[in-house]
């Protein structure tokens, strides 16, 4: 009799707990599948963050160039970088949000240090430093975009990198042309001062 009572009590307890356990199990499974669907590999996460940090750095440096540049082409380039990289940053933030990733709040330290150096420069020195930095920065982010477009595991991140590449290439080419024109101006100034 005792055995029947224990069995009946156990069956009643199991019947009571089973729906709760099933619901918890389903919830855990859906959380895990959501993490798999939205989660990024370590490399993909790092790439997404680096894109955001690069965009923030270009925006901040562009704002400084728009104010401090002495050359109208450099000033125009800075303004263009603010517009272009704001769009790219917004797209990156949307992607990060969709993946459940909090975007970084500021550029990398190396970009922050470069910005401080730019802020201390004036006139033609500023123009040359800014354009040299733009060439370096865009070469670096182009390598990142090419690697991400090729190697990313997340298809949306891969598409984001592919979409950004033509813009990055255009920014790099423009930066190289402006930088070369500034160097050309330096060479002409040296020739004229020797006369």
N, C-alpha and C. Protein backbone atom coordinates (compact mmCIF):
# COMPACT_ATOMS: atom_id res chain seq x y z
N UNK A 1 0.82 -1.19 0.00
CA UNK A 1 0.00 0.00 0.00
C UNK A 1 0.86 1.26 0.00
N UNK A 2 1.91 1.21 0.86
CA UNK A 2 2.81 2.34 0.89
C UNK A 2 3.45 2.56 -0.46
N UNK A 3 3.83 1.48 -1.12
CA UNK A 3 4.47 1.56 -2.42
C UNK A 3 3.53 2.20 -3.43
N UNK A 4 2.26 1.80 -3.42
CA UNK A 4 1.28 2.39 -4.34
C UNK A 4 1.11 3.88 -4.08
N UNK A 5 1.12 4.25 -2.82
CA UNK A 5 0.98 5.66 -2.45
C UNK A 5 2.17 6.48 -2.93
N UNK A 6 3.36 5.93 -2.75
CA UNK A 6 4.59 6.62 -3.20
C UNK A 6 4.57 6.74 -4.72
N UNK A 7 4.20 5.67 -5.40
CA UNK A 7 4.14 5.70 -6.87
C UNK A 7 3.11 6.72 -7.36
N UNK A 8 1.95 6.75 -6.72
CA UNK A 8 0.90 7.70 -7.11
C UNK A 8 1.37 9.13 -6.87
N UNK A 9 2.04 9.37 -5.75
CA UNK A 9 2.54 10.71 -5.44
C UNK A 9 3.62 11.11 -6.45
N UNK A 10 4.49 10.17 -6.80
CA UNK A 10 5.55 10.45 -7.77
C UNK A 10 4.97 10.76 -9.14
N UNK A 11 3.96 9.99 -9.53
CA UNK A 11 3.31 10.22 -10.83
C UNK A 11 2.64 11.58 -10.86
N UNK A 12 2.00 11.96 -9.77
CA UNK A 12 1.33 13.26 -9.70
C UNK A 12 2.36 14.38 -9.77
N UNK A 13 3.49 14.20 -9.07
CA UNK A 13 4.54 15.21 -9.08
C UNK A 13 5.13 15.35 -10.48
N UNK A 14 5.35 14.23 -11.13
CA UNK A 14 5.90 14.23 -12.49
C UNK A 14 4.94 14.91 -13.45
N UNK A 15 3.67 14.62 -13.32
CA UNK A 15 2.67 15.24 -14.19
C UNK A 15 2.62 16.75 -13.98
N UNK A 16 2.85 17.17 -12.75
CA UNK A 16 2.82 18.60 -12.43
C UNK A 16 4.08 19.31 -12.96
N UNK A 17 5.23 18.66 -12.82
CA UNK A 17 6.51 19.29 -13.18
C UNK A 17 6.85 19.19 -14.66
N UNK A 18 6.36 18.16 -15.33
CA UNK A 18 6.72 17.92 -16.72
C UNK A 18 6.45 19.11 -17.63
N UNK A 19 5.29 19.77 -17.60
CA UNK A 19 5.08 20.92 -18.48
C UNK A 19 6.08 22.05 -18.21
N UNK A 20 6.41 22.26 -16.94
CA UNK A 20 7.37 23.31 -16.59
C UNK A 20 8.74 22.97 -17.13
N UNK A 21 9.16 21.71 -16.97
CA UNK A 21 10.46 21.28 -17.48
C UNK A 21 10.50 21.38 -19.01
N UNK A 22 9.44 20.97 -19.66
CA UNK A 22 9.38 21.07 -21.12
C UNK A 22 9.48 22.52 -21.58
N UNK A 23 8.79 23.41 -20.89
CA UNK A 23 8.83 24.84 -21.26
C UNK A 23 10.23 25.40 -21.06
N UNK A 24 10.89 25.01 -19.96
CA UNK A 24 12.25 25.49 -19.71
C UNK A 24 13.21 24.96 -20.77
N UNK A 25 13.04 23.69 -21.12
CA UNK A 25 13.90 23.08 -22.13
C UNK A 25 13.71 23.77 -23.48
N UNK A 26 12.45 24.04 -23.85
CA UNK A 26 12.18 24.73 -25.12
C UNK A 26 12.76 26.14 -25.11
N UNK A 27 12.64 26.82 -23.97
CA UNK A 27 13.18 28.17 -23.85
C UNK A 27 14.70 28.15 -24.00
N UNK A 28 15.34 27.20 -23.36
CA UNK A 28 16.81 27.08 -23.45
C UNK A 28 17.23 26.77 -24.88
N UNK A 29 16.47 25.87 -25.55
CA UNK A 29 16.79 25.54 -26.94
C UNK A 29 16.61 26.74 -27.85
N UNK A 30 15.55 27.52 -27.65
CA UNK A 30 15.33 28.68 -28.51
C UNK A 30 16.39 29.74 -28.27
N UNK A 31 16.84 29.89 -27.00
CA UNK A 31 17.92 30.83 -26.71
C UNK A 31 19.21 30.39 -27.39
N UNK A 32 19.51 29.09 -27.33
CA UNK A 32 20.71 28.56 -27.96
C UNK A 32 20.65 28.74 -29.47
N UNK A 33 19.50 28.43 -30.08
CA UNK A 33 19.40 28.59 -31.53
C UNK A 33 19.44 30.06 -31.92
N UNK A 34 18.91 30.94 -31.08
CA UNK A 34 19.00 32.38 -31.37
C UNK A 34 20.44 32.83 -31.31
N UNK A 35 21.18 32.31 -30.31
CA UNK A 35 22.60 32.67 -30.21
C UNK A 35 23.35 32.18 -31.43
N UNK A 36 23.03 30.97 -31.89
CA UNK A 36 23.70 30.44 -33.08
C UNK A 36 23.32 31.26 -34.31
N UNK A 37 22.08 31.63 -34.43
CA UNK A 37 21.62 32.39 -35.60
C UNK A 37 22.19 33.80 -35.59
N UNK A 38 22.19 34.45 -34.44
CA UNK A 38 22.64 35.83 -34.35
C UNK A 38 24.10 35.96 -33.97
N UNK A 39 24.68 34.93 -33.37
CA UNK A 39 26.05 35.00 -32.89
C UNK A 39 27.06 35.07 -34.02
N UNK A 40 28.21 35.64 -33.70
CA UNK A 40 29.28 35.75 -34.67
C UNK A 40 30.49 35.00 -34.14
N UNK A 41 31.30 34.50 -35.06
CA UNK A 41 32.56 33.90 -34.65
C UNK A 41 33.44 35.00 -34.07
N UNK A 42 34.47 34.60 -33.38
CA UNK A 42 35.39 35.57 -32.77
C UNK A 42 35.98 36.51 -33.84
N UNK A 43 36.41 35.95 -34.97
CA UNK A 43 36.98 36.76 -36.06
C UNK A 43 35.95 37.70 -36.67
N UNK A 44 34.73 37.20 -36.85
CA UNK A 44 33.67 38.04 -37.42
C UNK A 44 33.33 39.19 -36.47
N UNK A 45 33.26 38.89 -35.19
CA UNK A 45 32.97 39.92 -34.20
C UNK A 45 34.06 40.99 -34.20
N UNK A 46 35.30 40.54 -34.26
CA UNK A 46 36.42 41.48 -34.28
C UNK A 46 36.37 42.36 -35.54
N UNK A 47 36.06 41.77 -36.68
CA UNK A 47 35.97 42.54 -37.93
C UNK A 47 34.86 43.58 -37.84
N UNK A 48 33.70 43.19 -37.32
CA UNK A 48 32.58 44.12 -37.20
C UNK A 48 32.97 45.31 -36.31
N UNK A 49 33.65 45.02 -35.23
CA UNK A 49 34.10 46.10 -34.32
C UNK A 49 35.14 46.99 -34.99
N UNK A 50 36.07 46.38 -35.72
CA UNK A 50 37.12 47.17 -36.38
C UNK A 50 36.53 48.08 -37.45
N UNK A 51 35.52 47.60 -38.18
CA UNK A 51 34.84 48.46 -39.16
C UNK A 51 34.24 49.67 -38.46
N UNK A 52 33.55 49.44 -37.36
CA UNK A 52 32.91 50.54 -36.63
C UNK A 52 33.95 51.53 -36.11
N UNK A 53 35.04 51.01 -35.56
CA UNK A 53 36.09 51.89 -35.03
C UNK A 53 36.74 52.69 -36.15
N UNK A 54 36.96 52.07 -37.30
CA UNK A 54 37.55 52.78 -38.44
C UNK A 54 36.60 53.88 -38.92
N UNK A 55 35.32 53.56 -39.01
CA UNK A 55 34.34 54.58 -39.43
C UNK A 55 34.32 55.76 -38.46
N UNK A 56 34.32 55.46 -37.16
CA UNK A 56 34.32 56.54 -36.16
C UNK A 56 35.58 57.40 -36.29
N UNK A 57 36.72 56.75 -36.53
CA UNK A 57 37.98 57.49 -36.67
C UNK A 57 37.93 58.41 -37.89
N UNK A 58 37.40 57.92 -39.00
CA UNK A 58 37.32 58.74 -40.22
C UNK A 58 36.36 59.92 -40.04
N UNK A 59 35.29 59.69 -39.31
CA UNK A 59 34.33 60.77 -39.05
C UNK A 59 34.99 61.86 -38.22
N UNK A 60 35.66 61.47 -37.14
CA UNK A 60 36.28 62.45 -36.26
C UNK A 60 37.41 63.20 -36.97
N UNK A 61 38.25 62.48 -37.69
CA UNK A 61 39.35 63.13 -38.43
C UNK A 61 38.79 64.02 -39.53
N UNK A 62 37.72 63.59 -40.18
CA UNK A 62 37.09 64.38 -41.22
C UNK A 62 36.53 65.69 -40.69
N UNK A 63 35.97 65.64 -39.50
CA UNK A 63 35.44 66.88 -38.88
C UNK A 63 36.58 67.86 -38.62
N UNK A 64 37.71 67.35 -38.15
CA UNK A 64 38.86 68.21 -37.90
C UNK A 64 39.36 68.80 -39.22
N UNK A 65 39.44 67.96 -40.25
CA UNK A 65 39.91 68.44 -41.56
C UNK A 65 38.97 69.49 -42.14
N UNK A 66 37.69 69.30 -41.96
CA UNK A 66 36.71 70.27 -42.48
C UNK A 66 36.91 71.64 -41.83
N UNK A 67 37.41 71.67 -40.63
CA UNK A 67 37.65 72.94 -39.92
C UNK A 67 39.05 73.49 -40.13
N UNK A 68 40.07 72.61 -40.12
CA UNK A 68 41.45 73.08 -40.07
C UNK A 68 42.21 73.07 -41.39
N UNK A 69 41.72 72.34 -42.38
CA UNK A 69 42.49 72.22 -43.63
C UNK A 69 42.68 73.57 -44.29
N UNK A 70 43.88 73.79 -44.81
CA UNK A 70 44.15 75.04 -45.54
C UNK A 70 43.90 74.86 -47.03
N UNK A 71 44.02 73.62 -47.50
CA UNK A 71 43.80 73.31 -48.91
C UNK A 71 42.32 72.98 -49.11
N UNK A 72 41.66 73.63 -50.10
CA UNK A 72 40.22 73.37 -50.30
C UNK A 72 39.90 71.91 -50.65
N UNK A 73 40.82 71.23 -51.35
CA UNK A 73 40.58 69.82 -51.68
C UNK A 73 40.61 68.95 -50.42
N UNK A 74 41.52 69.26 -49.53
CA UNK A 74 41.63 68.52 -48.27
C UNK A 74 40.38 68.75 -47.43
N UNK A 75 39.95 69.99 -47.37
CA UNK A 75 38.73 70.34 -46.62
C UNK A 75 37.52 69.59 -47.19
N UNK A 76 37.40 69.60 -48.52
CA UNK A 76 36.29 68.91 -49.19
C UNK A 76 36.34 67.41 -48.93
N UNK A 77 37.57 66.84 -48.96
CA UNK A 77 37.75 65.42 -48.69
C UNK A 77 37.29 65.10 -47.27
N UNK A 78 37.68 65.94 -46.30
CA UNK A 78 37.28 65.73 -44.91
C UNK A 78 35.77 65.72 -44.76
N UNK A 79 35.11 66.67 -45.41
CA UNK A 79 33.64 66.73 -45.35
C UNK A 79 33.02 65.47 -45.96
N UNK A 80 33.61 65.02 -47.07
CA UNK A 80 33.12 63.81 -47.75
C UNK A 80 33.28 62.58 -46.83
N UNK A 81 34.40 62.52 -46.11
CA UNK A 81 34.63 61.38 -45.20
C UNK A 81 33.60 61.37 -44.08
N UNK A 82 33.24 62.53 -43.58
CA UNK A 82 32.22 62.59 -42.52
C UNK A 82 30.90 62.01 -43.05
N UNK A 83 30.49 62.44 -44.25
CA UNK A 83 29.23 61.96 -44.83
C UNK A 83 29.27 60.47 -45.12
N UNK A 84 30.31 60.03 -45.82
CA UNK A 84 30.40 58.63 -46.24
C UNK A 84 30.52 57.67 -45.05
N UNK A 85 31.40 58.01 -44.13
CA UNK A 85 31.63 57.09 -43.00
C UNK A 85 30.50 57.13 -41.99
N UNK A 86 29.73 58.20 -41.96
CA UNK A 86 28.53 58.21 -41.10
C UNK A 86 27.53 57.19 -41.64
N UNK A 87 27.35 57.17 -42.96
CA UNK A 87 26.45 56.17 -43.57
C UNK A 87 26.95 54.76 -43.30
N UNK A 88 28.26 54.55 -43.49
CA UNK A 88 28.83 53.22 -43.28
C UNK A 88 28.71 52.79 -41.82
N UNK A 89 28.93 53.73 -40.91
CA UNK A 89 28.82 53.43 -39.48
C UNK A 89 27.38 53.07 -39.13
N UNK A 90 26.42 53.80 -39.67
CA UNK A 90 25.01 53.51 -39.40
C UNK A 90 24.64 52.11 -39.88
N UNK A 91 25.11 51.73 -41.07
CA UNK A 91 24.84 50.39 -41.59
C UNK A 91 25.49 49.33 -40.70
N UNK A 92 26.71 49.59 -40.26
CA UNK A 92 27.40 48.66 -39.38
C UNK A 92 26.70 48.51 -38.04
N UNK A 93 26.17 49.62 -37.51
CA UNK A 93 25.45 49.57 -36.25
C UNK A 93 24.17 48.75 -36.38
N UNK A 94 23.49 48.90 -37.51
CA UNK A 94 22.27 48.10 -37.74
C UNK A 94 22.61 46.61 -37.78
N UNK A 95 23.70 46.29 -38.45
CA UNK A 95 24.13 44.89 -38.52
C UNK A 95 24.49 44.38 -37.13
N UNK A 96 25.23 45.17 -36.37
CA UNK A 96 25.62 44.78 -35.02
C UNK A 96 24.38 44.55 -34.15
N UNK A 97 23.42 45.45 -34.27
CA UNK A 97 22.19 45.32 -33.49
C UNK A 97 21.44 44.04 -33.87
N UNK A 98 21.39 43.75 -35.15
CA UNK A 98 20.72 42.52 -35.60
C UNK A 98 21.43 41.28 -35.08
N UNK A 99 22.73 41.40 -34.84
CA UNK A 99 23.50 40.26 -34.34
C UNK A 99 23.58 40.23 -32.82
N UNK A 100 22.94 41.22 -32.18
CA UNK A 100 22.97 41.27 -30.73
C UNK A 100 24.31 41.71 -30.17
N UNK A 101 25.04 42.49 -30.96
CA UNK A 101 26.37 42.95 -30.57
C UNK A 101 26.33 44.44 -30.29
N UNK A 102 26.91 44.84 -29.18
CA UNK A 102 26.99 46.26 -28.86
C UNK A 102 28.21 46.84 -29.58
N UNK A 103 28.00 47.84 -30.44
CA UNK A 103 29.14 48.41 -31.16
C UNK A 103 30.07 49.17 -30.21
N UNK A 104 31.35 49.29 -30.57
CA UNK A 104 32.27 50.03 -29.70
C UNK A 104 31.84 51.49 -29.58
N UNK A 105 32.21 52.11 -28.49
CA UNK A 105 31.81 53.50 -28.23
C UNK A 105 32.78 54.52 -28.80
N UNK A 106 34.01 54.07 -29.11
CA UNK A 106 35.03 55.01 -29.58
C UNK A 106 36.00 54.29 -30.51
N UNK A 107 36.75 55.08 -31.29
CA UNK A 107 37.78 54.46 -32.14
C UNK A 107 38.86 53.80 -31.29
N UNK A 108 39.66 52.97 -31.95
CA UNK A 108 40.80 52.33 -31.28
C UNK A 108 41.76 53.40 -30.76
N UNK A 109 42.57 53.04 -29.80
CA UNK A 109 43.52 53.98 -29.19
C UNK A 109 44.46 54.56 -30.25
N UNK A 110 44.93 53.73 -31.19
CA UNK A 110 45.86 54.25 -32.20
C UNK A 110 45.20 55.36 -33.03
N UNK A 111 43.90 55.23 -33.30
CA UNK A 111 43.18 56.27 -34.04
C UNK A 111 43.00 57.52 -33.18
N UNK A 112 42.75 57.31 -31.90
CA UNK A 112 42.60 58.45 -30.99
C UNK A 112 43.92 59.22 -30.88
N UNK A 113 45.04 58.49 -30.82
CA UNK A 113 46.35 59.13 -30.75
C UNK A 113 46.64 59.90 -32.04
N UNK A 114 46.31 59.31 -33.18
CA UNK A 114 46.53 59.98 -34.47
C UNK A 114 45.68 61.25 -34.56
N UNK A 115 44.47 61.20 -34.03
CA UNK A 115 43.59 62.37 -34.05
C UNK A 115 44.18 63.51 -33.20
N UNK A 116 44.74 63.16 -32.06
CA UNK A 116 45.38 64.19 -31.21
C UNK A 116 46.53 64.87 -31.94
N UNK A 117 47.32 64.07 -32.67
CA UNK A 117 48.44 64.64 -33.43
C UNK A 117 47.91 65.57 -34.53
N UNK A 118 46.84 65.14 -35.18
CA UNK A 118 46.24 65.98 -36.23
C UNK A 118 45.75 67.31 -35.64
N UNK A 119 45.13 67.24 -34.51
CA UNK A 119 44.59 68.45 -33.89
C UNK A 119 45.68 69.46 -33.54
N UNK A 120 46.91 68.96 -33.35
CA UNK A 120 48.02 69.84 -33.02
C UNK A 120 48.71 70.43 -34.25
N UNK A 121 48.37 69.94 -35.43
CA UNK A 121 49.01 70.42 -36.67
C UNK A 121 48.24 71.61 -37.23
N UNK A 122 48.92 72.40 -38.04
CA UNK A 122 48.31 73.60 -38.64
C UNK A 122 48.68 73.70 -40.12
N UNK A 123 47.85 74.42 -40.87
CA UNK A 123 48.15 74.78 -42.25
C UNK A 123 48.50 73.62 -43.15
N UNK A 124 49.56 73.82 -43.95
CA UNK A 124 49.97 72.80 -44.92
C UNK A 124 50.47 71.53 -44.23
N UNK A 125 51.07 71.69 -43.06
CA UNK A 125 51.51 70.53 -42.29
C UNK A 125 50.30 69.66 -41.93
N UNK A 126 49.23 70.30 -41.51
CA UNK A 126 48.00 69.56 -41.22
C UNK A 126 47.52 68.82 -42.46
N UNK A 127 47.46 69.51 -43.59
CA UNK A 127 46.96 68.91 -44.83
C UNK A 127 47.75 67.65 -45.18
N UNK A 128 49.08 67.76 -45.13
CA UNK A 128 49.92 66.60 -45.48
C UNK A 128 49.72 65.46 -44.50
N UNK A 129 49.69 65.77 -43.20
CA UNK A 129 49.50 64.72 -42.18
C UNK A 129 48.14 64.03 -42.34
N UNK A 130 47.13 64.83 -42.55
CA UNK A 130 45.77 64.27 -42.67
C UNK A 130 45.70 63.34 -43.88
N UNK A 131 46.21 63.80 -45.03
CA UNK A 131 46.09 62.97 -46.23
C UNK A 131 46.97 61.71 -46.11
N UNK A 132 48.12 61.83 -45.49
CA UNK A 132 48.97 60.65 -45.27
C UNK A 132 48.24 59.64 -44.39
N UNK A 133 47.57 60.16 -43.36
CA UNK A 133 46.80 59.28 -42.47
C UNK A 133 45.63 58.64 -43.22
N UNK A 134 44.97 59.39 -44.08
CA UNK A 134 43.84 58.84 -44.84
C UNK A 134 44.28 57.72 -45.77
N UNK A 135 45.45 57.87 -46.37
CA UNK A 135 45.96 56.80 -47.23
C UNK A 135 46.22 55.56 -46.39
N UNK A 136 46.93 55.72 -45.28
CA UNK A 136 47.24 54.57 -44.41
C UNK A 136 45.96 53.92 -43.88
N UNK A 137 45.05 54.73 -43.35
CA UNK A 137 43.82 54.18 -42.77
C UNK A 137 42.99 53.42 -43.79
N UNK A 138 42.88 53.98 -44.99
CA UNK A 138 42.05 53.32 -46.01
C UNK A 138 42.74 52.08 -46.58
N UNK A 139 44.07 52.06 -46.61
CA UNK A 139 44.76 50.84 -47.02
C UNK A 139 44.47 49.73 -46.00
N UNK A 140 44.53 50.09 -44.74
CA UNK A 140 44.30 49.13 -43.66
C UNK A 140 42.87 48.60 -43.68
N UNK A 141 41.90 49.49 -43.82
CA UNK A 141 40.50 49.04 -43.78
C UNK A 141 40.13 48.30 -45.07
N UNK A 142 40.80 48.61 -46.18
CA UNK A 142 40.56 47.86 -47.42
C UNK A 142 41.03 46.41 -47.24
N UNK A 143 42.19 46.22 -46.62
CA UNK A 143 42.67 44.85 -46.34
C UNK A 143 41.67 44.11 -45.46
N UNK A 144 41.15 44.80 -44.44
CA UNK A 144 40.16 44.19 -43.56
C UNK A 144 38.90 43.82 -44.34
N UNK A 145 38.43 44.71 -45.21
CA UNK A 145 37.22 44.44 -45.98
C UNK A 145 37.43 43.26 -46.93
N UNK A 146 38.59 43.22 -47.58
CA UNK A 146 38.87 42.11 -48.50
C UNK A 146 38.93 40.78 -47.76
N UNK A 147 39.60 40.77 -46.61
CA UNK A 147 39.70 39.55 -45.81
C UNK A 147 38.32 39.12 -45.31
N UNK A 148 37.54 40.09 -44.84
CA UNK A 148 36.21 39.78 -44.31
C UNK A 148 35.29 39.28 -45.42
N UNK A 149 35.35 39.92 -46.59
CA UNK A 149 34.51 39.49 -47.71
C UNK A 149 34.86 38.07 -48.15
N UNK A 150 36.10 37.68 -47.95
CA UNK A 150 36.55 36.35 -48.35
C UNK A 150 36.33 35.31 -47.25
N UNK A 151 36.65 35.68 -46.00
CA UNK A 151 36.73 34.69 -44.94
C UNK A 151 35.61 34.69 -43.90
N UNK A 152 34.79 35.72 -43.87
CA UNK A 152 33.76 35.80 -42.83
C UNK A 152 32.83 34.60 -42.88
N UNK A 153 32.47 34.13 -41.71
CA UNK A 153 31.52 33.00 -41.63
C UNK A 153 30.08 33.50 -41.73
N UNK A 154 29.84 34.71 -41.26
CA UNK A 154 28.49 35.27 -41.28
C UNK A 154 28.21 35.89 -42.65
N UNK A 155 27.18 35.43 -43.35
CA UNK A 155 26.90 35.95 -44.69
C UNK A 155 26.54 37.43 -44.74
N UNK A 156 25.88 37.93 -43.69
CA UNK A 156 25.53 39.35 -43.67
C UNK A 156 26.76 40.24 -43.47
N UNK A 157 27.68 39.79 -42.64
CA UNK A 157 28.94 40.53 -42.45
C UNK A 157 29.75 40.50 -43.74
N UNK A 158 29.77 39.36 -44.38
CA UNK A 158 30.48 39.21 -45.66
C UNK A 158 29.90 40.20 -46.69
N UNK A 159 28.58 40.28 -46.75
CA UNK A 159 27.90 41.20 -47.69
C UNK A 159 28.19 42.66 -47.32
N UNK A 160 28.24 42.96 -46.03
CA UNK A 160 28.56 44.30 -45.55
C UNK A 160 29.96 44.71 -46.03
N UNK A 161 30.91 43.81 -45.90
CA UNK A 161 32.28 44.09 -46.34
C UNK A 161 32.34 44.28 -47.86
N UNK A 162 31.64 43.42 -48.60
CA UNK A 162 31.63 43.53 -50.06
C UNK A 162 31.00 44.85 -50.51
N UNK A 163 29.95 45.25 -49.83
CA UNK A 163 29.28 46.50 -50.18
C UNK A 163 30.17 47.71 -49.91
N UNK A 164 30.97 47.63 -48.86
CA UNK A 164 31.82 48.76 -48.49
C UNK A 164 33.07 48.90 -49.34
N UNK A 165 33.54 47.80 -49.94
CA UNK A 165 34.81 47.83 -50.67
C UNK A 165 34.91 48.89 -51.77
N UNK A 166 33.92 49.05 -52.63
CA UNK A 166 34.05 50.08 -53.67
C UNK A 166 34.20 51.49 -53.10
N UNK A 167 33.51 51.75 -52.00
CA UNK A 167 33.61 53.07 -51.36
C UNK A 167 35.00 53.27 -50.76
N UNK A 168 35.50 52.23 -50.11
CA UNK A 168 36.83 52.32 -49.49
C UNK A 168 37.89 52.53 -50.57
N UNK A 169 37.76 51.81 -51.69
CA UNK A 169 38.72 51.97 -52.79
C UNK A 169 38.67 53.40 -53.34
N UNK A 170 37.47 53.93 -53.48
CA UNK A 170 37.32 55.30 -53.99
C UNK A 170 37.94 56.30 -53.01
N UNK A 171 37.73 56.09 -51.71
CA UNK A 171 38.32 56.97 -50.70
C UNK A 171 39.84 56.92 -50.76
N UNK A 172 40.37 55.71 -50.93
CA UNK A 172 41.81 55.52 -50.99
C UNK A 172 42.40 56.20 -52.22
N UNK A 173 41.78 56.01 -53.37
CA UNK A 173 42.28 56.64 -54.61
C UNK A 173 42.26 58.16 -54.50
N UNK A 174 41.18 58.69 -53.98
CA UNK A 174 41.08 60.15 -53.81
C UNK A 174 42.15 60.65 -52.85
N UNK A 175 42.36 59.92 -51.76
CA UNK A 175 43.37 60.32 -50.77
C UNK A 175 44.76 60.30 -51.40
N UNK A 176 45.05 59.28 -52.20
CA UNK A 176 46.36 59.19 -52.86
C UNK A 176 46.57 60.36 -53.82
N UNK A 177 45.54 60.70 -54.58
CA UNK A 177 45.67 61.81 -55.53
C UNK A 177 45.91 63.13 -54.81
N UNK A 178 45.15 63.36 -53.77
CA UNK A 178 45.31 64.62 -53.03
C UNK A 178 46.68 64.65 -52.35
N UNK A 179 47.08 63.53 -51.76
CA UNK A 179 48.39 63.48 -51.11
C UNK A 179 49.50 63.74 -52.13
N UNK A 180 49.40 63.15 -53.32
CA UNK A 180 50.41 63.37 -54.36
C UNK A 180 50.44 64.83 -54.80
N UNK A 181 49.27 65.45 -54.89
CA UNK A 181 49.24 66.86 -55.31
C UNK A 181 49.88 67.75 -54.24
N UNK A 182 49.74 67.38 -52.98
CA UNK A 182 50.37 68.16 -51.90
C UNK A 182 51.88 67.98 -51.93
N UNK A 183 52.34 66.77 -52.23
CA UNK A 183 53.78 66.52 -52.34
C UNK A 183 54.33 67.24 -53.56
N UNK A 184 53.55 67.24 -54.65
CA UNK A 184 53.97 67.95 -55.86
C UNK A 184 54.12 69.44 -55.59
N UNK A 185 53.19 69.98 -54.81
CA UNK A 185 53.26 71.39 -54.44
C UNK A 185 54.50 71.67 -53.62
N UNK A 186 54.89 70.74 -52.74
CA UNK A 186 56.10 70.91 -51.94
C UNK A 186 57.33 70.95 -52.83
N UNK A 187 57.37 70.07 -53.81
CA UNK A 187 58.53 70.02 -54.71
C UNK A 187 58.63 71.32 -55.50
N UNK A 188 57.51 71.84 -55.99
CA UNK A 188 57.53 73.10 -56.74
C UNK A 188 57.96 74.25 -55.86
N UNK A 189 57.50 74.28 -54.60
CA UNK A 189 57.88 75.34 -53.68
C UNK A 189 59.40 75.31 -53.43
N UNK A 190 59.96 74.10 -53.31
CA UNK A 190 61.41 73.98 -53.07
C UNK A 190 62.19 74.48 -54.29
N UNK A 191 61.69 74.14 -55.50
CA UNK A 191 62.37 74.60 -56.73
C UNK A 191 62.35 76.13 -56.81
N UNK A 192 61.19 76.73 -56.51
CA UNK A 192 61.07 78.18 -56.60
C UNK A 192 61.92 78.88 -55.55
N UNK A 193 62.06 78.28 -54.37
CA UNK A 193 62.85 78.93 -53.32
C UNK A 193 64.34 78.85 -53.61
N UNK A 194 64.76 77.89 -54.46
CA UNK A 194 66.17 77.76 -54.83
C UNK A 194 66.57 78.79 -55.89
N UNK A 195 65.60 79.33 -56.63
CA UNK A 195 65.89 80.29 -57.72
C UNK A 195 66.36 81.61 -57.20
